[in-house]
């Protein structure tokens, strides 16, 4: 049985702990009072990843890493023998869009992981107002005609994604999923299972290459 070590990294208050709890079935409560992670939490569970070659159950370790840079000295130890990295950020917080390049450089680039071993999750917190992939507008648009409202929404969403792509072009090559645990719980779970399947396939191929190198 394969054992996948997946690191959840990203800015503070981005939703790493909530997602880790949900995906590992540690708790069904997706809300609650924010409590910052101290160092790292390790959650273990079994999963049957979608798309993995043999469709067998694998062991998963989710390492829920603190977004506080005071723990930076611990990060090299956390990264050791990792199978995959997931950068989680809140797309409604402009500073998060700038910070994810730092997380990419410090964790993913330094480990030499393949792009299919990495994942970006844009986590929308409860009450964010995101609907059908659009960003919330707020009071300034109150009373505007529906067409104008939708055009402004589209422009704001496009600008948000443009900031992300310009900040680091290499990030645009990583798979990106949106999570909304108020309305799309099972969609998030299925998307993560597909990602796990890709990671397991990569691990399997790497093991086969190592075995062949020993034989030859």
N, C-alpha and C. Protein backbone atom coordinates (compact mmCIF):
# COMPACT_ATOMS: atom_id res chain seq x y z
N UNK A 1 0.84 -1.20 0.00
CA UNK A 1 0.00 0.00 0.00
C UNK A 1 0.88 1.25 0.00
N UNK A 2 0.58 2.18 -0.89
CA UNK A 2 1.33 3.43 -0.95
C UNK A 2 0.93 4.32 0.24
N UNK A 3 1.91 5.11 0.67
CA UNK A 3 1.66 6.09 1.71
C UNK A 3 2.06 7.46 1.18
N UNK A 4 1.10 8.35 1.07
CA UNK A 4 1.34 9.68 0.50
C UNK A 4 1.40 10.72 1.61
N UNK A 5 2.48 11.47 1.60
CA UNK A 5 2.65 12.57 2.55
C UNK A 5 2.39 13.88 1.82
N UNK A 6 1.28 14.53 2.13
CA UNK A 6 0.86 15.75 1.44
C UNK A 6 0.93 16.92 2.41
N UNK A 7 1.66 17.96 2.02
CA UNK A 7 1.76 19.16 2.86
C UNK A 7 0.73 20.20 2.43
N UNK A 8 -0.02 20.71 3.40
CA UNK A 8 -0.92 21.84 3.19
C UNK A 8 -0.18 23.09 3.64
N UNK A 9 0.12 23.96 2.70
CA UNK A 9 0.88 25.17 3.01
C UNK A 9 0.13 26.39 2.49
N UNK A 10 0.56 27.56 2.93
CA UNK A 10 -0.07 28.79 2.46
C UNK A 10 -0.18 29.82 3.57
N UNK A 11 -0.71 30.99 3.23
CA UNK A 11 -0.82 32.08 4.21
C UNK A 11 -1.67 31.71 5.42
N UNK A 12 -1.46 32.42 6.50
CA UNK A 12 -2.29 32.23 7.70
C UNK A 12 -3.74 32.59 7.39
N UNK A 13 -4.66 31.90 8.04
CA UNK A 13 -6.10 32.14 7.90
C UNK A 13 -6.60 31.93 6.48
N UNK A 14 -5.99 30.99 5.78
CA UNK A 14 -6.44 30.71 4.41
C UNK A 14 -7.42 29.54 4.35
N UNK A 15 -7.51 28.77 5.43
CA UNK A 15 -8.45 27.65 5.46
C UNK A 15 -7.79 26.28 5.41
N UNK A 16 -6.47 26.20 5.65
CA UNK A 16 -5.76 24.92 5.57
C UNK A 16 -6.32 23.90 6.56
N UNK A 17 -6.52 24.34 7.80
CA UNK A 17 -6.98 23.42 8.85
C UNK A 17 -8.40 22.94 8.57
N UNK A 18 -9.25 23.83 8.14
CA UNK A 18 -10.64 23.46 7.83
C UNK A 18 -10.68 22.42 6.73
N UNK A 19 -9.90 22.63 5.67
CA UNK A 19 -9.87 21.68 4.56
C UNK A 19 -9.26 20.35 4.98
N UNK A 20 -8.18 20.40 5.77
CA UNK A 20 -7.54 19.17 6.22
C UNK A 20 -8.51 18.36 7.09
N UNK A 21 -9.21 19.03 7.98
CA UNK A 21 -10.19 18.34 8.82
C UNK A 21 -11.29 17.70 7.98
N UNK A 22 -11.78 18.46 7.01
CA UNK A 22 -12.88 17.96 6.18
C UNK A 22 -12.43 16.76 5.34
N UNK A 23 -11.30 16.88 4.66
CA UNK A 23 -10.85 15.82 3.76
C UNK A 23 -10.47 14.55 4.51
N UNK A 24 -10.00 14.68 5.74
CA UNK A 24 -9.61 13.50 6.53
C UNK A 24 -10.75 12.99 7.40
N UNK A 25 -11.93 13.64 7.29
CA UNK A 25 -13.09 13.27 8.10
C UNK A 25 -12.79 13.39 9.60
N UNK A 26 -11.90 14.31 9.93
CA UNK A 26 -11.58 14.54 11.34
C UNK A 26 -12.75 15.20 12.05
N UNK A 27 -13.47 16.05 11.34
CA UNK A 27 -14.63 16.72 11.91
C UNK A 27 -15.57 17.10 10.78
N UNK A 28 -16.84 17.18 11.10
CA UNK A 28 -17.83 17.59 10.11
C UNK A 28 -18.12 19.07 10.21
N UNK A 29 -17.57 19.71 11.23
CA UNK A 29 -17.81 21.14 11.42
C UNK A 29 -16.83 21.94 10.57
N UNK A 30 -17.33 22.62 9.53
CA UNK A 30 -16.45 23.36 8.63
C UNK A 30 -16.35 24.84 9.02
N UNK A 31 -16.98 25.21 10.13
CA UNK A 31 -16.90 26.60 10.58
C UNK A 31 -16.16 26.68 11.89
N UNK A 32 -16.56 27.60 12.73
CA UNK A 32 -15.95 27.70 14.05
C UNK A 32 -15.01 28.87 14.17
N UNK A 33 -14.51 29.05 15.40
CA UNK A 33 -13.61 30.16 15.70
C UNK A 33 -12.21 29.83 15.20
N UNK A 34 -11.55 30.82 14.60
CA UNK A 34 -10.21 30.62 14.07
C UNK A 34 -9.20 30.39 15.19
N UNK A 35 -8.40 29.34 15.04
CA UNK A 35 -7.33 29.05 15.99
C UNK A 35 -6.09 28.70 15.18
N UNK A 36 -5.06 29.55 15.19
CA UNK A 36 -3.89 29.33 14.35
C UNK A 36 -3.15 28.04 14.71
N UNK A 37 -2.71 27.32 13.68
CA UNK A 37 -1.93 26.10 13.88
C UNK A 37 -0.54 26.45 14.41
N UNK A 38 -0.11 25.71 15.41
CA UNK A 38 1.22 25.92 15.99
C UNK A 38 2.17 24.88 15.40
N UNK A 39 3.00 25.30 14.46
CA UNK A 39 3.95 24.38 13.85
C UNK A 39 3.31 23.53 12.77
N UNK A 40 2.79 22.38 13.15
CA UNK A 40 2.16 21.48 12.18
C UNK A 40 1.22 20.52 12.89
N UNK A 41 0.17 20.13 12.19
CA UNK A 41 -0.73 19.06 12.63
C UNK A 41 -0.64 17.96 11.58
N UNK A 42 -0.61 16.71 12.01
CA UNK A 42 -0.55 15.59 11.07
C UNK A 42 -1.83 14.77 11.21
N UNK A 43 -2.57 14.66 10.12
CA UNK A 43 -3.82 13.91 10.09
C UNK A 43 -3.66 12.70 9.17
N UNK A 44 -4.01 11.53 9.66
CA UNK A 44 -3.84 10.30 8.89
C UNK A 44 -5.20 9.68 8.59
N UNK A 45 -5.33 9.20 7.38
CA UNK A 45 -6.56 8.50 7.00
C UNK A 45 -6.29 7.66 5.75
N UNK A 46 -7.24 6.84 5.37
CA UNK A 46 -7.11 6.02 4.18
C UNK A 46 -8.05 6.54 3.11
N UNK A 47 -7.62 6.43 1.85
CA UNK A 47 -8.41 6.96 0.74
C UNK A 47 -8.25 6.05 -0.47
N UNK A 48 -9.24 6.08 -1.32
CA UNK A 48 -9.16 5.36 -2.59
C UNK A 48 -9.12 6.41 -3.71
N UNK A 49 -7.94 6.85 -4.10
CA UNK A 49 -7.80 7.95 -5.05
C UNK A 49 -8.41 7.62 -6.41
N UNK A 50 -9.00 8.62 -7.03
CA UNK A 50 -9.54 8.45 -8.37
C UNK A 50 -8.41 8.50 -9.39
N UNK A 51 -8.46 7.56 -10.34
CA UNK A 51 -7.50 7.60 -11.44
C UNK A 51 -6.18 6.93 -11.17
N UNK A 52 -5.98 6.41 -9.94
CA UNK A 52 -4.73 5.70 -9.66
C UNK A 52 -4.76 4.38 -10.40
N UNK A 53 -3.60 3.89 -10.78
CA UNK A 53 -3.50 2.74 -11.67
C UNK A 53 -4.25 1.52 -11.21
N UNK A 54 -4.12 1.14 -9.94
CA UNK A 54 -4.77 -0.09 -9.46
C UNK A 54 -6.02 0.18 -8.64
N UNK A 55 -6.34 1.47 -8.45
CA UNK A 55 -7.55 1.86 -7.70
C UNK A 55 -7.60 1.27 -6.30
N UNK A 56 -6.43 1.04 -5.72
CA UNK A 56 -6.38 0.48 -4.37
C UNK A 56 -6.35 1.60 -3.33
N UNK A 57 -6.70 1.23 -2.11
CA UNK A 57 -6.67 2.18 -1.01
C UNK A 57 -5.22 2.53 -0.67
N UNK A 58 -5.00 3.80 -0.34
CA UNK A 58 -3.67 4.23 0.07
C UNK A 58 -3.78 4.95 1.41
N UNK A 59 -2.66 5.01 2.11
CA UNK A 59 -2.60 5.76 3.35
C UNK A 59 -2.20 7.20 3.03
N UNK A 60 -2.88 8.13 3.66
CA UNK A 60 -2.61 9.55 3.41
C UNK A 60 -2.24 10.24 4.71
N UNK A 61 -1.17 11.00 4.66
CA UNK A 61 -0.81 11.88 5.77
C UNK A 61 -0.97 13.32 5.29
N UNK A 62 -1.88 14.05 5.89
CA UNK A 62 -2.02 15.47 5.59
C UNK A 62 -1.26 16.26 6.65
N UNK A 63 -0.24 16.98 6.22
CA UNK A 63 0.54 17.81 7.14
C UNK A 63 0.04 19.24 7.03
N UNK A 64 -0.74 19.63 8.02
CA UNK A 64 -1.35 20.96 8.06
C UNK A 64 -0.33 21.92 8.67
N UNK A 65 0.40 22.63 7.82
CA UNK A 65 1.53 23.46 8.26
C UNK A 65 1.08 24.89 8.59
N UNK A 66 1.63 25.42 9.66
CA UNK A 66 1.32 26.79 10.04
C UNK A 66 1.79 27.77 8.97
N UNK A 67 1.01 28.83 8.78
CA UNK A 67 1.39 29.87 7.83
C UNK A 67 2.23 30.98 8.47
N UNK A 68 2.59 30.78 9.73
CA UNK A 68 3.38 31.78 10.46
C UNK A 68 4.86 31.58 10.18
N UNK A 69 5.54 32.64 9.73
CA UNK A 69 6.95 32.53 9.36
C UNK A 69 7.86 32.33 10.57
N UNK A 70 7.33 32.41 11.77
CA UNK A 70 8.18 32.16 12.94
C UNK A 70 8.57 30.68 13.01
N UNK A 71 7.86 29.83 12.24
CA UNK A 71 8.18 28.40 12.21
C UNK A 71 9.04 28.04 10.99
N UNK A 72 9.57 29.05 10.31
CA UNK A 72 10.31 28.82 9.07
C UNK A 72 11.49 27.85 9.27
N UNK A 73 12.13 27.90 10.41
CA UNK A 73 13.29 27.03 10.64
C UNK A 73 12.90 25.55 10.67
N UNK A 74 11.62 25.28 10.88
CA UNK A 74 11.14 23.88 10.93
C UNK A 74 10.76 23.35 9.55
N UNK A 75 10.59 24.22 8.58
CA UNK A 75 10.05 23.80 7.29
C UNK A 75 10.90 22.77 6.55
N UNK A 76 12.23 22.88 6.55
CA UNK A 76 13.01 21.83 5.85
C UNK A 76 12.70 20.43 6.37
N UNK A 77 12.53 20.30 7.68
CA UNK A 77 12.20 18.99 8.26
C UNK A 77 10.81 18.53 7.84
N UNK A 78 9.87 19.47 7.73
CA UNK A 78 8.51 19.12 7.33
C UNK A 78 8.47 18.65 5.88
N UNK A 79 9.31 19.24 5.04
CA UNK A 79 9.30 18.92 3.61
C UNK A 79 9.93 17.57 3.29
N UNK A 80 10.73 17.03 4.18
CA UNK A 80 11.46 15.80 3.92
C UNK A 80 10.51 14.65 3.52
N UNK A 81 10.82 14.01 2.40
CA UNK A 81 10.07 12.84 1.90
C UNK A 81 8.61 13.15 1.58
N UNK A 82 8.30 14.40 1.25
CA UNK A 82 6.92 14.74 0.90
C UNK A 82 6.57 14.22 -0.49
N UNK A 83 5.33 13.78 -0.64
CA UNK A 83 4.85 13.25 -1.93
C UNK A 83 4.16 14.32 -2.76
N UNK A 84 3.65 15.35 -2.09
CA UNK A 84 2.93 16.39 -2.80
C UNK A 84 2.78 17.63 -1.93
N UNK A 85 2.48 18.74 -2.59
CA UNK A 85 2.30 20.02 -1.90
C UNK A 85 1.00 20.67 -2.38
N UNK A 86 0.24 21.18 -1.44
CA UNK A 86 -1.00 21.89 -1.76
C UNK A 86 -0.91 23.29 -1.17
N UNK A 87 -0.94 24.31 -2.04
CA UNK A 87 -0.95 25.70 -1.58
C UNK A 87 -2.40 26.16 -1.48
N UNK A 88 -2.80 26.56 -0.29
CA UNK A 88 -4.17 26.99 -0.04
C UNK A 88 -4.16 28.49 0.25
N UNK A 89 -5.04 29.22 -0.41
CA UNK A 89 -5.12 30.67 -0.22
C UNK A 89 -6.55 31.13 -0.34
N UNK A 90 -6.82 32.30 0.19
CA UNK A 90 -8.14 32.91 0.10
C UNK A 90 -8.11 33.94 -1.03
N UNK A 91 -8.77 33.69 -2.16
CA UNK A 91 -8.70 34.60 -3.30
C UNK A 91 -9.34 35.96 -3.04
N UNK A 92 -10.08 36.07 -1.92
CA UNK A 92 -10.71 37.34 -1.58
C UNK A 92 -9.77 38.24 -0.78
N UNK A 93 -8.57 37.74 -0.45
CA UNK A 93 -7.58 38.53 0.30
C UNK A 93 -6.42 38.85 -0.64
N UNK A 94 -6.30 40.11 -1.08
CA UNK A 94 -5.25 40.46 -2.06
C UNK A 94 -3.84 40.06 -1.64
N UNK A 95 -3.52 40.15 -0.36
CA UNK A 95 -2.17 39.80 0.08
C UNK A 95 -1.86 38.33 -0.13
N UNK A 96 -2.89 37.47 -0.10
CA UNK A 96 -2.67 36.05 -0.32
C UNK A 96 -2.20 35.78 -1.75
N UNK A 97 -2.73 36.55 -2.69
CA UNK A 97 -2.34 36.36 -4.09
C UNK A 97 -0.87 36.68 -4.29
N UNK A 98 -0.35 37.59 -3.48
CA UNK A 98 1.06 37.95 -3.58
C UNK A 98 1.94 36.95 -2.84
N UNK A 99 1.40 36.39 -1.76
CA UNK A 99 2.20 35.51 -0.91
C UNK A 99 2.43 34.13 -1.50
N UNK A 100 1.53 33.67 -2.35
CA UNK A 100 1.63 32.27 -2.80
C UNK A 100 2.88 32.02 -3.63
N UNK A 101 3.43 33.06 -4.27
CA UNK A 101 4.69 32.87 -4.99
C UNK A 101 5.81 32.54 -4.01
N UNK A 102 5.79 33.18 -2.85
CA UNK A 102 6.79 32.89 -1.82
C UNK A 102 6.69 31.45 -1.36
N UNK A 103 5.47 30.99 -1.13
CA UNK A 103 5.27 29.60 -0.71
C UNK A 103 5.72 28.63 -1.78
N UNK A 104 5.45 28.98 -3.04
CA UNK A 104 5.89 28.12 -4.14
C UNK A 104 7.42 28.02 -4.15
N UNK A 105 8.09 29.14 -4.02
CA UNK A 105 9.56 29.16 -4.08
C UNK A 105 10.18 28.41 -2.91
N UNK A 106 9.63 28.60 -1.72
CA UNK A 106 10.23 28.03 -0.53
C UNK A 106 9.97 26.54 -0.38
N UNK A 107 8.83 26.07 -0.87
CA UNK A 107 8.47 24.67 -0.68
C UNK A 107 8.58 23.84 -1.96
N UNK A 108 7.94 24.29 -3.03
CA UNK A 108 7.84 23.45 -4.23
C UNK A 108 9.11 23.48 -5.06
N UNK A 109 9.62 24.67 -5.36
CA UNK A 109 10.83 24.78 -6.17
C UNK A 109 12.00 24.07 -5.51
N UNK A 110 12.12 24.23 -4.19
CA UNK A 110 13.26 23.66 -3.48
C UNK A 110 13.22 22.14 -3.42
N UNK A 111 12.03 21.55 -3.60
CA UNK A 111 11.89 20.10 -3.51
C UNK A 111 11.96 19.41 -4.88
N UNK A 112 11.88 20.20 -5.93
CA UNK A 112 11.93 19.62 -7.27
C UNK A 112 10.76 18.72 -7.61
N UNK A 113 9.61 19.01 -7.03
CA UNK A 113 8.42 18.21 -7.32
C UNK A 113 7.89 18.50 -8.72
N UNK A 114 7.28 17.50 -9.33
CA UNK A 114 6.64 17.70 -10.63
C UNK A 114 5.36 18.51 -10.44
N UNK A 115 4.94 19.17 -11.52
CA UNK A 115 3.75 20.01 -11.44
C UNK A 115 2.52 19.20 -11.05
N UNK A 116 2.43 17.94 -11.49
CA UNK A 116 1.25 17.15 -11.17
C UNK A 116 1.23 16.64 -9.73
N UNK A 117 2.32 16.91 -8.99
CA UNK A 117 2.34 16.58 -7.57
C UNK A 117 1.92 17.77 -6.70
N UNK A 118 1.58 18.86 -7.36
CA UNK A 118 1.22 20.10 -6.65
C UNK A 118 -0.19 20.53 -7.01
N UNK A 119 -0.78 21.31 -6.15
CA UNK A 119 -2.15 21.76 -6.34
C UNK A 119 -2.35 23.12 -5.69
N UNK A 120 -3.11 23.98 -6.36
CA UNK A 120 -3.53 25.25 -5.79
C UNK A 120 -5.01 25.13 -5.42
N UNK A 121 -5.36 25.52 -4.20
CA UNK A 121 -6.77 25.54 -3.80
C UNK A 121 -7.14 26.96 -3.41
N UNK A 122 -8.07 27.55 -4.15
CA UNK A 122 -8.62 28.86 -3.81
C UNK A 122 -9.82 28.60 -2.89
N UNK A 123 -9.61 28.81 -1.61
CA UNK A 123 -10.63 28.46 -0.62
C UNK A 123 -11.48 29.67 -0.27
N UNK A 124 -12.77 29.56 -0.56
CA UNK A 124 -13.72 30.64 -0.27
C UNK A 124 -14.37 30.38 1.08
N UNK A 125 -14.18 31.28 2.00
CA UNK A 125 -14.71 31.09 3.34
C UNK A 125 -16.22 31.33 3.39
N UNK A 126 -16.88 30.76 4.40
CA UNK A 126 -18.32 30.96 4.54
C UNK A 126 -18.69 32.44 4.57
N UNK A 127 -19.73 32.79 3.82
CA UNK A 127 -20.18 34.17 3.79
C UNK A 127 -19.42 35.05 2.83
N UNK A 128 -18.52 34.44 2.02
CA UNK A 128 -17.73 35.27 1.10
C UNK A 128 -18.58 35.82 -0.03
N UNK A 129 -19.74 35.19 -0.27
CA UNK A 129 -20.63 35.70 -1.31
C UNK A 129 -20.25 35.26 -2.70
N UNK A 130 -19.27 34.37 -2.83
CA UNK A 130 -18.87 33.89 -4.15
C UNK A 130 -19.96 32.99 -4.70
N UNK A 131 -20.34 33.25 -5.91
CA UNK A 131 -21.43 32.51 -6.52
C UNK A 131 -21.13 32.32 -7.99
N UNK A 132 -21.22 31.06 -8.45
CA UNK A 132 -20.95 30.75 -9.85
C UNK A 132 -19.58 31.24 -10.29
N UNK A 133 -18.59 31.13 -9.41
CA UNK A 133 -17.23 31.50 -9.78
C UNK A 133 -16.96 32.98 -9.82
N UNK A 134 -17.89 33.81 -9.34
CA UNK A 134 -17.70 35.26 -9.39
C UNK A 134 -17.38 35.81 -8.02
N UNK A 135 -16.66 36.89 -7.99
CA UNK A 135 -16.29 37.51 -6.72
C UNK A 135 -17.41 38.42 -6.23
N UNK A 136 -17.54 38.59 -4.89
CA UNK A 136 -18.58 39.47 -4.35
C UNK A 136 -18.27 40.91 -4.66
N UNK A 137 -19.33 41.73 -4.73
CA UNK A 137 -19.15 43.13 -5.07
C UNK A 137 -19.32 44.05 -3.88
N UNK A 138 -20.39 43.92 -3.15
CA UNK A 138 -20.58 44.81 -2.00
C UNK A 138 -21.54 45.94 -2.34
N UNK A 139 -21.68 46.87 -1.42
CA UNK A 139 -22.69 47.92 -1.50
C UNK A 139 -22.55 48.89 -2.68
N UNK A 140 -21.32 49.22 -3.18
CA UNK A 140 -21.21 50.23 -4.24
C UNK A 140 -22.02 49.92 -5.48
N UNK A 141 -22.39 48.67 -5.69
CA UNK A 141 -23.13 48.31 -6.90
C UNK A 141 -24.65 48.26 -6.65
N UNK A 142 -25.05 48.52 -5.44
CA UNK A 142 -26.48 48.44 -5.13
C UNK A 142 -27.29 49.35 -6.05
N UNK A 143 -28.33 48.77 -6.63
CA UNK A 143 -29.20 49.56 -7.48
C UNK A 143 -28.78 49.62 -8.94
N UNK A 144 -27.64 49.06 -9.29
CA UNK A 144 -27.20 49.08 -10.68
C UNK A 144 -28.02 48.09 -11.50
N UNK A 145 -28.20 48.38 -12.79
CA UNK A 145 -28.88 47.41 -13.66
C UNK A 145 -28.14 46.08 -13.64
N UNK A 146 -28.86 44.98 -13.84
CA UNK A 146 -28.28 43.65 -13.74
C UNK A 146 -27.10 43.47 -14.71
N UNK A 147 -27.23 43.96 -15.94
CA UNK A 147 -26.16 43.80 -16.93
C UNK A 147 -24.88 44.49 -16.47
N UNK A 148 -25.02 45.73 -15.96
CA UNK A 148 -23.85 46.46 -15.48
C UNK A 148 -23.23 45.73 -14.29
N UNK A 149 -24.08 45.26 -13.40
CA UNK A 149 -23.63 44.51 -12.23
C UNK A 149 -22.79 43.31 -12.66
N UNK A 150 -23.28 42.55 -13.64
CA UNK A 150 -22.57 41.35 -14.08
C UNK A 150 -21.26 41.71 -14.79
N UNK A 151 -21.26 42.81 -15.54
CA UNK A 151 -20.03 43.22 -16.22
C UNK A 151 -18.95 43.62 -15.21
N UNK A 152 -19.34 44.37 -14.18
CA UNK A 152 -18.39 44.77 -13.15
C UNK A 152 -17.86 43.55 -12.42
N UNK A 153 -18.75 42.60 -12.13
CA UNK A 153 -18.34 41.37 -11.46
C UNK A 153 -17.30 40.62 -12.28
N UNK A 154 -17.56 40.51 -13.58
CA UNK A 154 -16.64 39.81 -14.47
C UNK A 154 -15.29 40.51 -14.52
N UNK A 155 -15.30 41.84 -14.58
CA UNK A 155 -14.05 42.60 -14.64
C UNK A 155 -13.24 42.42 -13.36
N UNK A 156 -13.93 42.45 -12.21
CA UNK A 156 -13.23 42.27 -10.94
C UNK A 156 -12.64 40.87 -10.83
N UNK A 157 -13.39 39.88 -11.27
CA UNK A 157 -12.90 38.51 -11.23
C UNK A 157 -11.68 38.35 -12.15
N UNK A 158 -11.75 38.93 -13.35
CA UNK A 158 -10.64 38.85 -14.30
C UNK A 158 -9.40 39.54 -13.75
N UNK A 159 -9.60 40.69 -13.10
CA UNK A 159 -8.47 41.42 -12.53
C UNK A 159 -7.81 40.60 -11.41
N UNK A 160 -8.65 39.93 -10.63
CA UNK A 160 -8.14 39.10 -9.54
C UNK A 160 -7.25 37.98 -10.07
N UNK A 161 -7.72 37.30 -11.11
CA UNK A 161 -6.95 36.21 -11.69
C UNK A 161 -5.72 36.73 -12.43
N UNK A 162 -5.82 37.95 -12.99
CA UNK A 162 -4.67 38.53 -13.69
C UNK A 162 -3.53 38.80 -12.72
N UNK A 163 -3.86 39.30 -11.54
CA UNK A 163 -2.85 39.55 -10.52
C UNK A 163 -2.12 38.26 -10.17
N UNK A 164 -2.91 37.17 -10.05
CA UNK A 164 -2.33 35.89 -9.70
C UNK A 164 -1.36 35.40 -10.78
N UNK A 165 -1.77 35.52 -12.06
CA UNK A 165 -0.95 34.99 -13.14
C UNK A 165 0.29 35.83 -13.39
N UNK A 166 0.16 37.15 -13.23
CA UNK A 166 1.31 38.02 -13.45
C UNK A 166 2.33 37.87 -12.33
N UNK A 167 1.85 37.68 -11.11
CA UNK A 167 2.75 37.56 -9.96
C UNK A 167 3.75 36.43 -10.13
N UNK A 168 3.33 35.34 -10.73
CA UNK A 168 4.24 34.21 -10.96
C UNK A 168 3.68 33.34 -12.06
N UNK A 169 4.28 33.45 -13.26
CA UNK A 169 3.75 32.72 -14.41
C UNK A 169 3.83 31.22 -14.21
N UNK A 170 4.84 30.76 -13.45
CA UNK A 170 4.98 29.32 -13.26
C UNK A 170 3.82 28.74 -12.45
N UNK A 171 3.19 29.57 -11.61
CA UNK A 171 2.06 29.08 -10.84
C UNK A 171 0.88 28.74 -11.74
N UNK A 172 0.80 29.38 -12.88
CA UNK A 172 -0.33 29.14 -13.79
C UNK A 172 -0.30 27.74 -14.37
N UNK A 173 0.84 27.06 -14.25
CA UNK A 173 0.94 25.70 -14.78
C UNK A 173 0.46 24.66 -13.77
N UNK A 174 0.22 25.09 -12.55
CA UNK A 174 -0.27 24.16 -11.53
C UNK A 174 -1.78 24.04 -11.62
N UNK A 175 -2.32 22.84 -11.37
CA UNK A 175 -3.78 22.69 -11.35
C UNK A 175 -4.39 23.55 -10.24
N UNK A 176 -5.53 24.15 -10.52
CA UNK A 176 -6.22 25.02 -9.58
C UNK A 176 -7.66 24.57 -9.40
N UNK A 177 -8.09 24.44 -8.15
CA UNK A 177 -9.49 24.15 -7.87
C UNK A 177 -10.01 25.18 -6.88
N UNK A 178 -11.31 25.42 -6.92
CA UNK A 178 -11.96 26.31 -5.96
C UNK A 178 -12.72 25.46 -4.95
N UNK A 179 -12.66 25.85 -3.69
CA UNK A 179 -13.39 25.11 -2.66
C UNK A 179 -14.36 26.04 -1.96
N UNK A 180 -15.56 25.53 -1.78
CA UNK A 180 -16.59 26.23 -1.04
C UNK A 180 -17.32 25.18 -0.21
N UNK A 181 -16.98 25.08 1.05
CA UNK A 181 -17.52 24.02 1.89
C UNK A 181 -18.93 24.28 2.36
N UNK A 182 -19.49 25.42 1.96
CA UNK A 182 -20.90 25.68 2.27
C UNK A 182 -21.81 24.98 1.27
N UNK A 183 -21.35 24.87 0.03
CA UNK A 183 -22.24 24.39 -1.03
C UNK A 183 -21.66 23.25 -1.85
N UNK A 184 -20.33 23.08 -1.86
CA UNK A 184 -19.72 22.14 -2.81
C UNK A 184 -18.81 21.15 -2.09
N UNK A 185 -19.25 20.60 -1.00
CA UNK A 185 -18.41 19.72 -0.19
C UNK A 185 -17.90 18.53 -0.99
N UNK A 186 -18.80 17.79 -1.63
CA UNK A 186 -18.39 16.58 -2.32
C UNK A 186 -17.60 16.89 -3.59
N UNK A 187 -17.86 18.03 -4.21
CA UNK A 187 -17.05 18.43 -5.37
C UNK A 187 -15.59 18.62 -4.95
N UNK A 188 -15.39 19.24 -3.80
CA UNK A 188 -14.03 19.46 -3.28
C UNK A 188 -13.37 18.13 -2.98
N UNK A 189 -14.11 17.24 -2.35
CA UNK A 189 -13.55 15.92 -2.00
C UNK A 189 -13.15 15.14 -3.25
N UNK A 190 -14.03 15.15 -4.27
CA UNK A 190 -13.72 14.43 -5.50
C UNK A 190 -12.50 15.02 -6.21
N UNK A 191 -12.42 16.34 -6.25
CA UNK A 191 -11.28 16.99 -6.90
C UNK A 191 -9.98 16.63 -6.19
N UNK A 192 -10.02 16.58 -4.86
CA UNK A 192 -8.81 16.23 -4.12
C UNK A 192 -8.46 14.76 -4.33
N UNK A 193 -9.46 13.90 -4.44
CA UNK A 193 -9.20 12.48 -4.70
C UNK A 193 -8.55 12.28 -6.07
N UNK A 194 -8.96 13.09 -7.04
CA UNK A 194 -8.32 13.01 -8.37
C UNK A 194 -6.86 13.44 -8.28
N UNK A 195 -6.61 14.49 -7.51
CA UNK A 195 -5.23 14.94 -7.30
C UNK A 195 -4.42 13.84 -6.63
N UNK A 196 -4.99 13.20 -5.60
CA UNK A 196 -4.29 12.12 -4.92
C UNK A 196 -3.96 10.99 -5.89
N UNK A 197 -4.89 10.68 -6.79
CA UNK A 197 -4.65 9.64 -7.78
C UNK A 197 -3.45 9.96 -8.65
N UNK A 198 -3.32 11.23 -9.04
CA UNK A 198 -2.17 11.66 -9.83
C UNK A 198 -0.87 11.50 -9.06
N UNK A 199 -0.91 11.89 -7.78
CA UNK A 199 0.28 11.75 -6.93
C UNK A 199 0.69 10.29 -6.79
N UNK A 200 -0.28 9.41 -6.55
CA UNK A 200 0.00 7.98 -6.39
C UNK A 200 0.58 7.41 -7.68
N UNK A 201 0.04 7.81 -8.82
CA UNK A 201 0.57 7.33 -10.11
C UNK A 201 2.02 7.76 -10.28
N UNK A 202 2.32 9.00 -9.91
CA UNK A 202 3.70 9.50 -10.01
C UNK A 202 4.62 8.70 -9.09
N UNK A 203 4.16 8.41 -7.87
CA UNK A 203 4.95 7.62 -6.94
C UNK A 203 5.18 6.21 -7.49
N UNK A 204 4.15 5.63 -8.09
CA UNK A 204 4.25 4.29 -8.65
C UNK A 204 5.26 4.25 -9.80
N UNK A 205 5.20 5.24 -10.68
CA UNK A 205 6.13 5.31 -11.81
C UNK A 205 7.57 5.48 -11.32
N UNK A 206 7.74 6.29 -10.27
CA UNK A 206 9.08 6.50 -9.71
C UNK A 206 9.62 5.20 -9.12
N UNK A 207 8.75 4.47 -8.43
CA UNK A 207 9.18 3.19 -7.85
C UNK A 207 9.57 2.20 -8.94
N UNK A 208 8.80 2.16 -10.01
CA UNK A 208 9.11 1.25 -11.12
C UNK A 208 10.45 1.59 -11.76
N UNK A 209 10.72 2.88 -11.91
CA UNK A 209 12.02 3.27 -12.49
C UNK A 209 13.18 2.85 -11.58
N UNK A 210 12.98 3.02 -10.27
CA UNK A 210 14.02 2.62 -9.33
C UNK A 210 14.27 1.11 -9.40
N UNK A 211 13.19 0.32 -9.49
CA UNK A 211 13.31 -1.13 -9.57
C UNK A 211 14.01 -1.55 -10.84
N UNK A 212 13.68 -0.87 -11.96
CA UNK A 212 14.33 -1.20 -13.24
C UNK A 212 15.80 -0.87 -13.21
N UNK A 213 16.15 0.24 -12.56
CA UNK A 213 17.55 0.63 -12.49
C UNK A 213 18.37 -0.38 -11.68
N UNK A 214 17.74 -0.99 -10.70
CA UNK A 214 18.42 -2.00 -9.89
C UNK A 214 18.64 -3.27 -10.72
N UNK A 215 17.62 -3.62 -11.49
CA UNK A 215 17.69 -4.85 -12.31
C UNK A 215 18.75 -4.73 -13.40
N UNK A 216 18.78 -3.54 -14.03
CA UNK A 216 19.72 -3.35 -15.13
C UNK A 216 21.10 -2.90 -14.63
